[in-house]
PDB file of N, CA and C in Angstrom:
ATOM      1  N   MET A   1      93.057 105.239  99.497  1.00  0.00           N
ATOM      2  CA  MET A   1      93.941 104.677  98.466  1.00  0.00           C
ATOM      3  C   MET A   1      94.981 103.856  99.087  1.00  0.00           C
ATOM      4  N   ILE A   2      95.833 103.069  98.467  1.00  0.00           N
ATOM      5  CA  ILE A   2      96.815 102.214  98.814  1.00  0.00           C
ATOM      6  C   ILE A   2      98.160 103.093  98.887  1.00  0.00           C
ATOM      7  N   TYR A   3      98.851 102.962 100.030  1.00  0.00           N
ATOM      8  CA  TYR A   3     100.037 103.547 100.139  1.00  0.00           C
ATOM      9  C   TYR A   3     101.333 102.595 100.481  1.00  0.00           C
ATOM     10  N   ASN A   4     102.381 102.889 100.157  1.00  0.00           N
ATOM     11  CA  ASN A   4     103.872 102.230 100.563  1.00  0.00           C
ATOM     12  C   ASN A   4     104.091 102.770 102.011  1.00  0.00           C
ATOM     13  N   ALA A   5     104.176 101.670 102.835  1.00  0.00           N
ATOM     14  CA  ALA A   5     104.315 101.738 104.513  1.00  0.00           C
ATOM     15  C   ALA A   5     105.518 102.418 104.767  1.00  0.00           C
ATOM     16  N   GLU A   6     106.751 102.283 104.006  1.00  0.00           N
ATOM     17  CA  GLU A   6     107.907 102.940 104.186  1.00  0.00           C
ATOM     18  C   GLU A   6     108.039 104.315 103.802  1.00  0.00           C
ATOM     19  N   THR A   7     107.686 104.680 102.524  1.00  0.00           N
ATOM     20  CA  THR A   7     107.549 105.972 101.989  1.00  0.00           C
ATOM     21  C   THR A   7     106.360 106.983 102.279  1.00  0.00           C
ATOM     22  N   ASN A   8     105.244 106.134 102.791  1.00  0.00           N
ATOM     23  CA  ASN A   8     103.921 106.916 102.771  1.00  0.00           C
ATOM     24  C   ASN A   8     103.470 107.589 101.343  1.00  0.00           C
ATOM     25  N   GLU A   9     103.836 107.354 100.525  1.00  0.00           N
ATOM     26  CA  GLU A   9     103.695 107.644  98.922  1.00  0.00           C
ATOM     27  C   GLU A   9     102.625 106.524  98.250  1.00  0.00           C
ATOM     28  N   PRO A  10     101.812 107.408  97.614  1.00  0.00           N
ATOM     29  CA  PRO A  10     100.769 106.271  97.186  1.00  0.00           C
ATOM     30  C   PRO A  10     101.318 105.343  96.062  1.00  0.00           C
ATOM     31  N   ALA A  11     100.947 104.076  96.214  1.00  0.00           N
ATOM     32  CA  ALA A  11     101.503 102.863  95.632  1.00  0.00           C
ATOM     33  C   ALA A  11     101.094 102.989  94.126  1.00  0.00           C
ATOM     34  N   ASN A  12     102.192 102.563  93.144  1.00  0.00           N
ATOM     35  CA  ASN A  12     101.759 102.878  91.745  1.00  0.00           C
ATOM     36  C   ASN A  12     102.345 101.425  91.286  1.00  0.00           C
ATOM     37  N   PRO A  13     101.351 100.515  90.877  1.00  0.00           N
ATOM     38  CA  PRO A  13      99.988 100.683  90.753  1.00  0.00           C
ATOM     39  C   PRO A  13      99.120 100.529  91.960  1.00  0.00           C
ATOM     40  N   GLN A  14      97.966 100.824  91.977  1.00  0.00           N
ATOM     41  CA  GLN A  14      97.196 100.879  93.244  1.00  0.00           C
ATOM     42  C   GLN A  14      96.803  99.497  93.564  1.00  0.00           C
ATOM     43  N   VAL A  15      97.417  98.723  93.568  1.00  0.00           N
ATOM     44  CA  VAL A  15      97.221  97.254  93.768  1.00  0.00           C
ATOM     45  C   VAL A  15      98.100  96.596  95.145  1.00  0.00           C
ATOM     46  N   GLY A  16      97.642  95.897  96.020  1.00  0.00           N
ATOM     47  CA  GLY A  16      98.115  95.079  97.041  1.00  0.00           C
ATOM     48  C   GLY A  16      97.519  94.015  97.171  1.00  0.00           C
ATOM     49  N   TYR A  17      98.134  92.944  97.964  1.00  0.00           N
ATOM     50  CA  TYR A  17      98.036  91.586  98.064  1.00  0.00           C
ATOM     51  C   TYR A  17      97.994  90.961  99.301  1.00  0.00           C
ATOM     52  N   LEU A  18      97.061  90.027  99.781  1.00  0.00           N
ATOM     53  CA  LEU A  18      97.110  89.824 101.221  1.00  0.00           C
ATOM     54  C   LEU A  18      96.985  88.394 101.245  1.00  0.00           C
ATOM     55  N   SER A  19      97.858  87.752 101.871  1.00  0.00           N
ATOM     56  CA  SER A  19      97.925  86.209 102.011  1.00  0.00           C
ATOM     57  C   SER A  19      96.942  85.753 102.771  1.00  0.00           C
ATOM     58  N   GLY A  20      96.215  84.761 102.287  1.00  0.00           N
ATOM     59  CA  GLY A  20      94.945  84.119 102.750  1.00  0.00           C
ATOM     60  C   GLY A  20      95.113  83.328 103.922  1.00  0.00           C
ATOM     61  N   TYR A  21      96.420  82.888 104.157  1.00  0.00           N
ATOM     62  CA  TYR A  21      96.610  81.730 105.143  1.00  0.00           C
ATOM     63  C   TYR A  21      95.962  82.294 106.654  1.00  0.00           C
ATOM     64  N   ALA A  22      95.879  83.483 106.978  1.00  0.00           N
ATOM     65  CA  ALA A  22      95.282  83.775 108.325  1.00  0.00           C
ATOM     66  C   ALA A  22      93.672  83.545 107.948  1.00  0.00           C
ATOM     67  N   TYR A  23      93.217  83.467 107.203  1.00  0.00           N
ATOM     68  CA  TYR A  23      91.776  83.272 106.658  1.00  0.00           C
ATOM     69  C   TYR A  23      91.429  81.955 106.509  1.00  0.00           C
ATOM     70  N   GLY A  24      91.815  81.147 105.856  1.00  0.00           N
ATOM     71  CA  GLY A  24      91.787  79.989 105.561  1.00  0.00           C
ATOM     72  C   GLY A  24      93.018  78.730 105.852  1.00  0.00           C
ATOM     73  N   ASP A  25      93.605  79.073 106.787  1.00  0.00           N
ATOM     74  CA  ASP A  25      94.800  78.162 107.040  1.00  0.00           C
ATOM     75  C   ASP A  25      95.229  77.477 106.023  1.00  0.00           C
ATOM     76  N   ARG A  26      95.619  75.968 106.099  1.00  0.00           N
ATOM     77  CA  ARG A  26      95.969  75.644 105.140  1.00  0.00           C
ATOM     78  C   ARG A  26      95.568  75.613 103.796  1.00  0.00           C
ATOM     79  N   LEU A  27      94.292  75.730 103.589  1.00  0.00           N
ATOM     80  CA  LEU A  27      93.565  75.969 102.349  1.00  0.00           C
ATOM     81  C   LEU A  27      93.954  77.033 101.365  1.00  0.00           C
ATOM     82  N   LEU A  28      94.282  78.214 102.110  1.00  0.00           N
ATOM     83  CA  LEU A  28      94.851  79.276 101.530  1.00  0.00           C
ATOM     84  C   LEU A  28      96.108  79.822 101.756  1.00  0.00           C
ATOM     85  N   GLU A  29      96.874  78.658 102.298  1.00  0.00           N
ATOM     86  CA  GLU A  29      98.356  79.060 102.664  1.00  0.00           C
ATOM     87  C   GLU A  29      99.281  79.692 101.615  1.00  0.00           C
ATOM     88  N   ASP A  30      99.338  79.560 100.626  1.00  0.00           N
ATOM     89  CA  ASP A  30      99.771  80.188  99.614  1.00  0.00           C
ATOM     90  C   ASP A  30      99.175  81.041  98.567  1.00  0.00           C
ATOM     91  N   VAL A  31      98.171  81.305  98.869  1.00  0.00           N
ATOM     92  CA  VAL A  31      97.060  82.102  98.230  1.00  0.00           C
ATOM     93  C   VAL A  31      97.291  83.571  98.630  1.00  0.00           C
ATOM     94  N   LEU A  32      97.374  84.607  97.445  1.00  0.00           N
ATOM     95  CA  LEU A  32      97.387  85.811  97.564  1.00  0.00           C
ATOM     96  C   LEU A  32      96.037  86.521  96.871  1.00  0.00           C
ATOM     97  N   PHE A  33      95.345  87.164  97.778  1.00  0.00           N
ATOM     98  CA  PHE A  33      94.243  87.820  97.553  1.00  0.00           C
ATOM     99  C   PHE A  33      94.658  89.260  96.975  1.00  0.00           C
ATOM    100  N   LYS A  34      93.984  89.565  95.864  1.00  0.00           N
ATOM    101  CA  LYS A  34      94.436  90.831  94.941  1.00  0.00           C
ATOM    102  C   LYS A  34      93.396  91.963  95.380  1.00  0.00           C
ATOM    103  N   PHE A  35      93.738  93.173  95.909  1.00  0.00           N
ATOM    104  CA  PHE A  35      93.036  94.054  96.220  1.00  0.00           C
ATOM    105  C   PHE A  35      93.412  95.376  95.229  1.00  0.00           C
ATOM    106  N   GLU A  36      92.678  96.045  94.666  1.00  0.00           N
ATOM    107  CA  GLU A  36      92.900  97.434  94.137  1.00  0.00           C
ATOM    108  C   GLU A  36      92.036  98.548  94.646  1.00  0.00           C
ATOM    109  N   THR A  37      92.452  99.713  94.240  1.00  0.00           N
ATOM    110  CA  THR A  37      91.648 100.993  94.585  1.00  0.00           C
ATOM    111  C   THR A  37      90.867 101.166  93.221  1.00  0.00           C
ATOM    112  N   VAL A  38      89.395 101.265  93.522  1.00  0.00           N
ATOM    113  CA  VAL A  38      88.493 101.612  92.307  1.00  0.00           C
ATOM    114  C   VAL A  38      87.675 102.811  92.863  1.00  0.00           C
ATOM    115  N   GLN A  39      87.288 103.556  91.687  1.00  0.00           N
ATOM    116  CA  GLN A  39      86.656 104.739  91.991  1.00  0.00           C
ATOM    117  C   GLN A  39      85.281 104.311  92.439  1.00  0.00           C
ATOM    118  N   GLY A  40      84.531 104.954  93.361  1.00  0.00           N
ATOM    119  CA  GLY A  40      83.180 104.593  93.818  1.00  0.00           C
ATOM    120  C   GLY A  40      82.379 105.981  93.328  1.00  0.00           C
ATOM    121  N   TYR A  41      81.132 105.813  93.607  1.00  0.00           N
ATOM    122  CA  TYR A  41      80.197 107.018  93.425  1.00  0.00           C
ATOM    123  C   TYR A  41      80.937 108.398  93.875  1.00  0.00           C
ATOM    124  N   ASN A  42      81.071 108.557  95.388  1.00  0.00           N
ATOM    125  CA  ASN A  42      81.939 109.690  95.839  1.00  0.00           C
ATOM    126  C   ASN A  42      83.242 109.492  96.284  1.00  0.00           C
ATOM    127  N   ASP A  43      83.811 108.398  96.436  1.00  0.00           N
ATOM    128  CA  ASP A  43      84.995 108.223  96.832  1.00  0.00           C
ATOM    129  C   ASP A  43      85.912 106.556  96.263  1.00  0.00           C
ATOM    130  N   LYS A  44      87.156 106.982  96.660  1.00  0.00           N
ATOM    131  CA  LYS A  44      87.798 105.463  96.142  1.00  0.00           C
ATOM    132  C   LYS A  44      87.660 104.464  97.386  1.00  0.00           C
ATOM    133  N   LEU A  45      87.492 103.128  96.687  1.00  0.00           N
ATOM    134  CA  LEU A  45      87.100 102.291  97.441  1.00  0.00           C
ATOM    135  C   LEU A  45      88.343 101.206  97.146  1.00  0.00           C
ATOM    136  N   LEU A  46      88.195  99.999  98.083  1.00  0.00           N
ATOM    137  CA  LEU A  46      88.933  99.060  98.214  1.00  0.00           C
ATOM    138  C   LEU A  46      88.300  97.843  97.547  1.00  0.00           C
ATOM    139  N   SER A  47      88.695  97.295  96.551  1.00  0.00           N
ATOM    140  CA  SER A  47      88.015  96.095  95.842  1.00  0.00           C
ATOM    141  C   SER A  47      88.625  94.853  95.509  1.00  0.00           C
ATOM    142  N   HIS A  48      88.132  93.469  95.887  1.00  0.00           N
ATOM    143  CA  HIS A  48      89.070  92.227  95.637  1.00  0.00           C
ATOM    144  C   HIS A  48      88.901  92.152  94.325  1.00  0.00           C
ATOM    145  N   THR A  49      89.797  92.006  93.568  1.00  0.00           N
ATOM    146  CA  THR A  49      89.794  91.731  91.985  1.00  0.00           C
ATOM    147  C   THR A  49      90.434  90.977  91.563  1.00  0.00           C
ATOM    148  N   GLY A  50      90.894  89.750  92.306  1.00  0.00           N
ATOM    149  CA  GLY A  50      91.500  88.504  91.728  1.00  0.00           C
ATOM    150  C   GLY A  50      92.541  88.091  92.674  1.00  0.00           C
ATOM    151  N   PHE A  51      93.473  87.372  92.172  1.00  0.00           N
ATOM    152  CA  PHE A  51      94.337  86.564  93.039  1.00  0.00           C
ATOM    153  C   PHE A  51      95.746  86.681  92.537  1.00  0.00           C
ATOM    154  N   GLY A  52      96.796  86.431  93.236  1.00  0.00           N
ATOM    155  CA  GLY A  52      98.159  86.404  92.787  1.00  0.00           C
ATOM    156  C   GLY A  52      98.353  85.568  91.398  1.00  0.00           C
ATOM    157  N   PRO A  53      99.526  86.045  91.076  1.00  0.00           N
ATOM    158  CA  PRO A  53      99.949  85.312  89.723  1.00  0.00           C
ATOM    159  C   PRO A  53      99.971  83.685  89.627  1.00  0.00           C
ATOM    160  N   GLY A  54      99.055  83.250  88.842  1.00  0.00           N
ATOM    161  CA  GLY A  54      98.916  81.625  88.677  1.00  0.00           C
ATOM    162  C   GLY A  54      98.074  81.008  89.507  1.00  0.00           C
ATOM    163  N   GLN A  55      97.272  81.759  90.502  1.00  0.00           N
ATOM    164  CA  GLN A  55      96.488  81.088  91.601  1.00  0.00           C
ATOM    165  C   GLN A  55      95.121  81.033  91.426  1.00  0.00           C
ATOM    166  N   ALA A  56      94.527  81.406  90.187  1.00  0.00           N
ATOM    167  CA  ALA A  56      93.178  81.603  89.976  1.00  0.00           C
ATOM    168  C   ALA A  56      92.746  80.306  89.683  1.00  0.00           C
ATOM    169  N   ASP A  57      93.420  79.325  88.957  1.00  0.00           N
ATOM    170  CA  ASP A  57      93.072  78.122  88.844  1.00  0.00           C
ATOM    171  C   ASP A  57      92.629  76.963  90.127  1.00  0.00           C
ATOM    172  N   TYR A  58      93.721  77.383  90.963  1.00  0.00           N
ATOM    173  CA  TYR A  58      93.382  76.450  92.178  1.00  0.00           C
ATOM    174  C   TYR A  58      92.332  77.249  93.258  1.00  0.00           C
ATOM    175  N   MET A  59      92.015  78.458  92.959  1.00  0.00           N
ATOM    176  CA  MET A  59      90.697  79.052  93.406  1.00  0.00           C
ATOM    177  C   MET A  59      89.487  78.649  93.124  1.00  0.00           C
ATOM    178  N   LYS A  60      89.371  77.947  91.838  1.00  0.00           N
ATOM    179  CA  LYS A  60      88.384  77.863  91.144  1.00  0.00           C
ATOM    180  C   LYS A  60      87.463  76.494  92.007  1.00  0.00           C
ATOM    181  N   GLN A  61      88.153  75.402  92.872  1.00  0.00           N
ATOM    182  CA  GLN A  61      87.503  74.810  93.673  1.00  0.00           C
ATOM    183  C   GLN A  61      86.470  75.410  94.733  1.00  0.00           C
ATOM    184  N   PHE A  62      86.833  76.789  95.261  1.00  0.00           N
ATOM    185  CA  PHE A  62      85.880  77.062  95.811  1.00  0.00           C
ATOM    186  C   PHE A  62      84.543  78.073  95.245  1.00  0.00           C
ATOM    187  N   THR A  63      83.757  78.090  96.071  1.00  0.00           N
ATOM    188  CA  THR A  63      82.540  78.758  95.431  1.00  0.00           C
ATOM    189  C   THR A  63      82.655  80.385  95.528  1.00  0.00           C
ATOM    190  N   PRO A  64      82.143  81.132  94.785  1.00  0.00           N
ATOM    191  CA  PRO A  64      82.318  82.489  94.563  1.00  0.00           C
ATOM    192  C   PRO A  64      81.759  83.100  95.955  1.00  0.00           C
ATOM    193  N   LEU A  65      80.818  82.248  96.494  1.00  0.00           N
ATOM    194  CA  LEU A  65      80.443  83.057  97.606  1.00  0.00           C
ATOM    195  C   LEU A  65      81.205  82.743  99.018  1.00  0.00           C
ATOM    196  N   LYS A  66      82.079  81.636  98.946  1.00  0.00           N
ATOM    197  CA  LYS A  66      83.138  81.588  99.876  1.00  0.00           C
ATOM    198  C   LYS A  66      84.464  82.428  99.682  1.00  0.00           C
ATOM    199  N   ILE A  67      84.613  82.652  98.432  1.00  0.00           N
ATOM    200  CA  ILE A  67      85.780  83.646  98.349  1.00  0.00           C
ATOM    201  C   ILE A  67      85.367  84.809  98.324  1.00  0.00           C
ATOM    202  N   ALA A  68      84.019  85.296  98.126  1.00  0.00           N
ATOM    203  CA  ALA A  68      83.794  86.958  98.316  1.00  0.00           C
ATOM    204  C   ALA A  68      83.497  86.791 100.133  1.00  0.00           C
ATOM    205  N   LEU A  69      83.223  85.748 100.856  1.00  0.00           N
ATOM    206  CA  LEU A  69      83.102  85.969 102.259  1.00  0.00           C
ATOM    207  C   LEU A  69      84.740  86.298 102.903  1.00  0.00           C
ATOM    208  N   TRP A  70      85.545  85.354 102.320  1.00  0.00           N
ATOM    209  CA  TRP A  70      87.041  85.406 102.555  1.00  0.00           C
ATOM    210  C   TRP A  70      87.336  87.007 102.184  1.00  0.00           C
ATOM    211  N   ALA A  71      87.040  87.548 101.172  1.00  0.00           N
ATOM    212  CA  ALA A  71      87.493  88.961 100.622  1.00  0.00           C
ATOM    213  C   ALA A  71      86.882  89.680 101.370  1.00  0.00           C
ATOM    214  N   SER A  72      85.821  89.826 101.894  1.00  0.00           N
ATOM    215  CA  SER A  72      85.274  90.697 102.774  1.00  0.00           C
ATOM    216  C   SER A  72      85.485  90.943 104.060  1.00  0.00           C
ATOM    217  N   ILE A  73      85.968  89.904 104.523  1.00  0.00           N
ATOM    218  CA  ILE A  73      86.597  89.953 106.046  1.00  0.00           C
ATOM    219  C   ILE A  73      87.871  90.376 105.822  1.00  0.00           C
ATOM    220  N   MET A  74      88.707  89.998 104.723  1.00  0.00           N
ATOM    221  CA  MET A  74      90.106  90.709 104.616  1.00  0.00           C
ATOM    222  C   MET A  74      89.932  92.215 104.545  1.00  0.00           C
ATOM    223  N   ILE A  75      88.928  92.688 103.738  1.00  0.00           N
ATOM    224  CA  ILE A  75      88.873  94.047 103.434  1.00  0.00           C
ATOM    225  C   ILE A  75      88.687  94.934 104.791  1.00  0.00           C
ATOM    226  N   THR A  76      87.604  94.352 105.607  1.00  0.00           N
ATOM    227  CA  THR A  76      87.198  94.977 106.758  1.00  0.00           C
ATOM    228  C   THR A  76      88.708  94.895 107.549  1.00  0.00           C
ATOM    229  N   ASP A  77      89.472  93.909 107.860  1.00  0.00           N
ATOM    230  CA  ASP A  77      90.382  94.056 108.535  1.00  0.00           C
ATOM    231  C   ASP A  77      91.500  95.065 107.805  1.00  0.00           C
ATOM    232  N   ILE A  78      91.567  94.915 106.598  1.00  0.00           N
ATOM    233  CA  ILE A  78      92.452  96.027 106.121  1.00  0.00           C
ATOM    234  C   ILE A  78      92.115  97.518 106.256  1.00  0.00           C
ATOM    235  N   ILE A  79      90.889  97.606 106.219  1.00  0.00           N
ATOM    236  CA  ILE A  79      90.141  99.262 106.700  1.00  0.00           C
ATOM    237  C   ILE A  79      90.298  99.368 108.088  1.00  0.00           C
ATOM    238  N   ASN A  80      89.630  98.747 108.970  1.00  0.00           N
ATOM    239  CA  ASN A  80      89.421  98.871 110.410  1.00  0.00           C
ATOM    240  C   ASN A  80      90.386  98.509 111.316  1.00  0.00           C
ATOM    241  N   HIS A  81      91.243  97.554 110.706  1.00  0.00           N
ATOM    242  CA  HIS A  81      92.350  96.874 111.945  1.00  0.00           C
ATOM    243  C   HIS A  81      93.941  97.030 111.440  1.00  0.00           C
ATOM    244  N   ASN A  82      93.911  97.929 110.213  1.00  0.00           N
ATOM    245  CA  ASN A  82      95.327  98.491 109.563  1.00  0.00           C
ATOM    246  C   ASN A  82      96.018  97.097 109.360  1.00  0.00           C
ATOM    247  N   VAL A  83      95.512  96.060 108.820  1.00  0.00           N
ATOM    248  CA  VAL A  83      96.304  94.849 108.414  1.00  0.00           C
ATOM    249  C   VAL A  83      96.891  95.176 107.240  1.00  0.00           C
ATOM    250  N   LEU A  84      98.095  95.127 107.071  1.00  0.00           N
ATOM    251  CA  LEU A  84      99.343  95.399 105.691  1.00  0.00           C
ATOM    252  C   LEU A  84      98.965  94.545 104.634  1.00  0.00           C
ATOM    253  N   MET A  85      98.942  94.923 103.649  1.00  0.00           N
ATOM    254  CA  MET A  85      98.768  94.060 102.300  1.00  0.00           C
ATOM    255  C   MET A  85     100.554  94.352 101.859  1.00  0.00           C
ATOM    256  N   THR A  86     101.000  93.767 100.893  1.00  0.00           N
ATOM    257  CA  THR A  86     102.100  93.883 100.318  1.00  0.00           C
ATOM    258  C   THR A  86     102.126  93.762  98.711  1.00  0.00           C
ATOM    259  N   ASP A  87     103.113  94.253  98.007  1.00  0.00           N
ATOM    260  CA  ASP A  87     103.273  94.314  96.627  1.00  0.00           C
ATOM    261  C   ASP A  87     103.874  93.001  96.318  1.00  0.00           C
ATOM    262  N   LEU A  88     104.055  92.725  94.857  1.00  0.00           N
ATOM    263  CA  LEU A  88     104.728  91.708  94.489  1.00  0.00           C
ATOM    264  C   LEU A  88     106.140  91.492  94.978  1.00  0.00           C
ATOM    265  N   GLU A  89     106.761  92.467  95.072  1.00  0.00           N
ATOM    266  CA  GLU A  89     108.157  92.519  95.422  1.00  0.00           C
ATOM    267  C   GLU A  89     108.393  92.409  97.082  1.00  0.00           C
ATOM    268  N   GLY A  90     107.301  92.442  97.605  1.00  0.00           N
ATOM    269  CA  GLY A  90     107.317  92.161  99.275  1.00  0.00           C
ATOM    270  C   GLY A  90     107.378  93.477 100.241  1.00  0.00           C
ATOM    271  N   ASN A  91     106.902  94.483  99.332  1.00  0.00           N
ATOM    272  CA  ASN A  91     106.788  95.801 100.401  1.00  0.00           C
ATOM    273  C   ASN A  91     105.783  95.768 100.936  1.00  0.00           C
ATOM    274  N   ASP A  92     105.544  96.597 101.952  1.00  0.00           N
ATOM    275  CA  ASP A  92     104.145  96.720 103.068  1.00  0.00           C
ATOM    276  C   ASP A  92     103.695  97.739 102.413  1.00  0.00           C
ATOM    277  N   LEU A  93     102.310  97.501 102.612  1.00  0.00           N
ATOM    278  CA  LEU A  93     101.375  98.737 102.017  1.00  0.00           C
ATOM    279  C   LEU A  93      99.978  98.546 102.861  1.00  0.00           C
ATOM    280  N   TYR A  94      99.482 100.091 102.855  1.00  0.00           N
ATOM    281  CA  TYR A  94      98.442  99.949 103.698  1.00  0.00           C
ATOM    282  C   TYR A  94      97.526 100.959 102.992  1.00  0.00           C
ATOM    283  N   TRP A  95      96.111 100.856 103.606  1.00  0.00           N
ATOM    284  CA  TRP A  95      94.950 101.563 102.947  1.00  0.00           C
ATOM    285  C   TRP A  95      94.597 102.661 103.786  1.00  0.00           C
ATOM    286  N   SER A  96      94.564 104.056 103.174  1.00  0.00           N
ATOM    287  CA  SER A  96      94.000 105.191 103.953  1.00  0.00           C
ATOM    288  C   SER A  96      93.017 105.692 102.939  1.00  0.00           C
ATOM    289  N   THR A  97      92.098 106.278 103.637  1.00  0.00           N
ATOM    290  CA  THR A  97      91.059 107.236 102.633  1.00  0.00           C
ATOM    291  C   THR A  97      91.653 108.644 102.641  1.00  0.00           C
TER     292      THR A  97
END
């Protein structure tokens, strides 16, 4: 689940954003990748579900495969390397099972 880093309470809604800058330099400088908690077969999973407000049109220039690659690397970093996400208000969020 996604938690607020300050309070350690579950985030509501279960949505976090990660800046694309570290993954695509100038191409993704102002792009926020949107991640949500979704119910898997046995457990909750972190899933890429879109982009920050107003950014979907810009991202249409990239292939779905390229977007999936960036998102999968981000998910790996969030889960395995404790990379923080934020909500739209700028509060830090983290993922924990």
